[in-house]
Amino acid sequence: MPTQSRRERAREERRELILRTARELAETDGWDAVTTRRLAEAVDYSQPVLYGHFKNMNAIADAVAVQGIEEMTAVLRKARETGGLRALAHAYLDYAADHPAVYEAMFVRPTALSFGTPDSPAALKSAFDQFIAAVEPSAGADPETLAEVLWSSLHGQATLNRTNRLRPTHVRARADLLVGRLSGNNSSLTAE
């Protein structure tokens, strides 16, 4: 029995090494540069070993996405609990800016992950719950739809910020305006 446990630990360590390395390569060179051949060389395992853990590169990117969503959920929860909706919005945009390749795996790349359905992975549901909790005080009868509007609006900002299509000096002001409008608090806005 201990041998089996050791094998399982070794397998999990290999899996984590593959994901960590894929993430590092993607953050450095972009997802297009992450191939099974390059990844196998970087982790010093053969391609069949990679395929023993993951069906293909998309499955690796999906696993990185789930890890990223788990990380982001913790960041969003902490921000929401300490600073409410505004802090959550800023934390979301900061996470997207600080982890562009992971964010791309989470929300830009094609994926087999199911979003917004009963079959969605628990990590996705947990992330969405942070948005619901943040908007509930001002949501009225439909907090889920308001949470979807907030999330999709922040996603648009994150994507446009990353590709330098919006004024970089107004990242915070845009988030503050969005939060103010969604919460009914249209107080003064501040630039970055």
Protein backbone atom coordinates (compact mmCIF):
# COMPACT_ATOMS: atom_id res chain seq x y z
CA MET A 1 0.00 0.00 0.00
CA PRO A 2 2.73 2.60 0.80
CA THR A 3 4.22 2.00 -2.67
CA GLN A 4 0.91 2.91 -4.29
CA SER A 5 0.72 6.09 -2.23
CA ARG A 6 4.27 6.99 -3.24
CA ARG A 7 3.38 6.37 -6.91
CA GLU A 8 0.33 8.57 -6.61
CA ARG A 9 2.40 11.34 -5.04
CA ALA A 10 5.03 11.04 -7.78
CA ARG A 11 2.31 11.17 -10.43
CA GLU A 12 0.76 14.26 -8.85
CA GLU A 13 4.20 15.91 -8.61
CA ARG A 14 4.78 15.25 -12.34
CA ARG A 15 1.35 16.67 -13.14
CA GLU A 16 2.07 19.81 -11.12
CA LEU A 17 5.49 20.20 -12.76
CA ILE A 18 3.88 19.98 -16.20
CA LEU A 19 1.29 22.61 -15.29
CA ARG A 20 3.79 24.94 -13.63
CA THR A 21 6.13 24.69 -16.61
CA ALA A 22 3.33 25.23 -19.14
CA ARG A 23 2.26 28.29 -17.21
CA GLU A 24 5.81 29.67 -17.07
CA LEU A 25 6.35 29.10 -20.79
CA ALA A 26 3.01 30.73 -21.60
CA GLU A 27 3.75 33.75 -19.40
CA THR A 28 7.16 34.14 -21.05
CA ASP A 29 6.40 33.36 -24.69
CA GLY A 30 2.60 33.10 -25.04
CA TRP A 31 0.38 30.05 -25.46
CA ASP A 32 1.26 29.59 -29.12
CA ALA A 33 4.80 28.76 -28.06
CA VAL A 34 3.68 26.05 -25.63
CA THR A 35 3.75 22.77 -27.53
CA THR A 36 3.90 19.25 -26.18
CA ARG A 37 7.39 18.87 -27.63
CA ARG A 38 8.69 22.05 -26.00
CA LEU A 39 6.94 21.26 -22.76
CA ALA A 40 8.31 17.69 -22.69
CA GLU A 41 11.83 19.06 -23.19
CA ALA A 42 11.35 21.66 -20.46
CA VAL A 43 10.15 19.13 -17.86
CA ASP A 44 12.60 16.46 -19.03
CA TYR A 45 9.91 13.85 -19.69
CA SER A 46 8.86 12.26 -22.95
CA GLN A 47 5.74 13.36 -24.78
CA PRO A 48 4.02 10.05 -23.91
CA VAL A 49 4.46 10.94 -20.22
CA LEU A 50 2.64 14.23 -20.89
CA TYR A 51 -0.13 12.34 -22.65
CA GLY A 52 -0.34 10.02 -19.67
CA HIS A 53 -1.45 13.05 -17.64
CA PHE A 54 -3.30 15.13 -20.23
CA LYS A 55 -5.15 14.31 -23.44
CA ASN A 56 -3.61 17.25 -25.36
CA MET A 57 -2.35 20.83 -25.04
CA ASN A 58 -5.89 22.13 -24.66
CA ALA A 59 -6.36 19.88 -21.63
CA ILE A 60 -3.15 21.30 -20.15
CA ALA A 61 -4.35 24.87 -20.77
CA ASP A 62 -7.72 23.97 -19.20
CA ALA A 63 -5.96 22.62 -16.11
CA VAL A 64 -3.91 25.84 -15.89
CA ALA A 65 -7.19 27.76 -16.24
CA VAL A 66 -8.79 25.90 -13.33
CA GLN A 67 -5.71 26.54 -11.18
CA GLY A 68 -5.84 30.21 -12.14
CA ILE A 69 -9.53 30.43 -11.33
CA GLU A 70 -8.86 28.90 -7.90
CA GLU A 71 -6.10 31.47 -7.29
CA MET A 72 -8.22 34.34 -8.56
CA THR A 73 -11.15 33.24 -6.39
CA ALA A 74 -8.99 33.49 -3.27
CA VAL A 75 -7.85 36.97 -4.35
CA LEU A 76 -11.42 38.08 -5.09
CA ARG A 77 -12.74 36.68 -1.80
CA LYS A 78 -10.11 38.51 0.22
CA ALA A 79 -10.69 41.75 -1.68
CA ARG A 80 -14.47 41.52 -1.34
CA GLU A 81 -14.31 40.69 2.36
CA THR A 82 -11.96 43.59 3.12
CA GLY A 83 -13.10 46.23 0.64
CA GLY A 84 -16.37 45.23 -0.98
CA LEU A 85 -17.36 45.49 -4.62
CA ARG A 86 -14.83 48.18 -5.56
CA ALA A 87 -11.94 46.17 -4.10
CA LEU A 88 -13.14 43.05 -5.92
CA ALA A 89 -13.21 44.92 -9.24
CA HIS A 90 -9.69 46.26 -8.74
CA ALA A 91 -8.42 42.83 -7.62
CA TYR A 92 -9.89 41.22 -10.74
CA LEU A 93 -8.20 43.72 -13.07
CA ASP A 94 -4.93 43.45 -11.16
CA TYR A 95 -4.99 39.64 -11.38
CA ALA A 96 -5.61 39.79 -15.13
CA ALA A 97 -2.75 42.27 -15.60
CA ASP A 98 -0.33 40.36 -13.37
CA HIS A 99 -1.04 36.92 -14.90
CA PRO A 100 -1.83 37.54 -18.58
CA ALA A 101 -1.21 34.01 -19.88
CA VAL A 102 -3.16 32.40 -17.06
CA TYR A 103 -5.97 34.90 -17.60
CA GLU A 104 -5.91 34.04 -21.30
CA ALA A 105 -6.23 30.33 -20.47
CA MET A 106 -9.07 31.12 -18.09
CA PHE A 107 -11.20 33.38 -20.25
CA VAL A 108 -9.86 33.91 -23.77
CA ARG A 109 -8.58 30.63 -25.24
CA PRO A 110 -11.09 28.11 -26.54
CA THR A 111 -11.86 25.66 -23.76
CA ALA A 112 -13.76 22.50 -22.97
CA LEU A 113 -14.62 23.91 -19.53
CA SER A 114 -18.31 24.48 -18.96
CA PHE A 115 -19.19 27.95 -17.68
CA GLY A 116 -22.52 28.95 -16.17
CA THR A 117 -24.08 25.48 -16.15
CA PRO A 118 -24.80 22.85 -13.53
CA ASP A 119 -21.82 20.93 -14.99
CA SER A 120 -19.38 23.79 -14.36
CA PRO A 121 -16.35 22.82 -12.25
CA ALA A 122 -16.59 23.80 -8.58
CA ALA A 123 -13.76 26.34 -9.02
CA LEU A 124 -15.81 28.25 -11.60
CA LYS A 125 -18.89 28.25 -9.40
CA SER A 126 -16.83 29.47 -6.45
CA ALA A 127 -15.42 32.35 -8.49
CA PHE A 128 -18.88 33.34 -9.67
CA ASP A 129 -20.12 33.21 -6.07
CA GLN A 130 -17.66 35.99 -5.23
CA PHE A 131 -19.26 38.23 -7.84
CA ILE A 132 -22.75 37.38 -6.58
CA ALA A 133 -21.75 38.14 -2.99
CA ALA A 134 -20.24 41.46 -4.07
CA VAL A 135 -23.33 42.67 -5.94
CA GLU A 136 -26.06 41.26 -3.68
CA PRO A 137 -26.45 44.41 -1.57
CA SER A 138 -27.51 46.39 -4.65
CA ALA A 139 -28.78 43.66 -6.97
CA GLY A 140 -32.45 43.59 -6.17
CA ALA A 141 -34.24 40.47 -7.36
CA ASP A 142 -31.61 39.14 -9.79
CA PRO A 143 -28.08 39.10 -8.34
CA GLU A 144 -26.87 36.44 -10.81
CA THR A 145 -27.56 38.61 -13.84
CA LEU A 146 -25.96 41.63 -12.21
CA ALA A 147 -22.95 39.46 -11.33
CA GLU A 148 -22.74 38.38 -14.98
CA VAL A 149 -22.85 42.02 -16.10
CA LEU A 150 -20.09 42.93 -13.65
CA TRP A 151 -17.89 39.98 -14.62
CA SER A 152 -18.33 40.48 -18.35
CA SER A 153 -17.67 44.21 -18.02
CA LEU A 154 -14.49 43.60 -16.03
CA HIS A 155 -13.42 40.96 -18.54
CA GLY A 156 -13.85 43.46 -21.36
CA GLN A 157 -11.81 46.02 -19.48
CA ALA A 158 -9.09 43.47 -18.66
CA THR A 159 -8.86 42.37 -22.30
CA LEU A 160 -8.81 45.92 -23.66
CA ASN A 161 -6.31 47.02 -21.00
CA ARG A 162 -3.96 44.17 -21.91
CA THR A 163 -4.01 45.01 -25.60
CA ASN A 164 -3.46 48.73 -24.90
CA ARG A 165 -6.75 49.76 -26.48
CA LEU A 166 -7.81 51.97 -23.58
CA ARG A 167 -6.05 54.82 -21.80
CA PRO A 168 -3.65 53.21 -19.32
CA THR A 169 -4.03 56.16 -16.95
CA HIS A 170 -7.72 55.41 -16.40
CA VAL A 171 -7.75 51.73 -15.38
CA ARG A 172 -8.99 52.48 -11.86
CA ALA A 173 -11.38 55.22 -12.99
CA ARG A 174 -13.13 52.84 -15.41
CA ALA A 175 -13.51 50.19 -12.71
CA ASP A 176 -14.77 52.79 -10.24
CA LEU A 177 -17.29 54.12 -12.75
CA LEU A 178 -18.57 50.61 -13.44
CA VAL A 179 -18.88 49.81 -9.74
CA GLY A 180 -20.59 53.13 -9.07
CA ARG A 181 -23.15 52.59 -11.79
CA LEU A 182 -23.86 49.00 -10.81
CA SER A 183 -24.20 49.84 -7.14
CA GLY A 184 -26.15 53.06 -7.68
CA ASN A 185 -23.34 55.08 -6.12
CA ASN A 186 -22.24 57.60 -8.74
CA SER A 187 -19.74 59.43 -6.54
CA SER A 188 -16.75 61.23 -8.00
CA LEU A 189 -14.22 59.25 -9.97
CA THR A 190 -10.48 59.27 -9.66
CA ALA A 191 -7.82 58.63 -12.26
CA GLU A 192 -5.17 55.99 -11.65
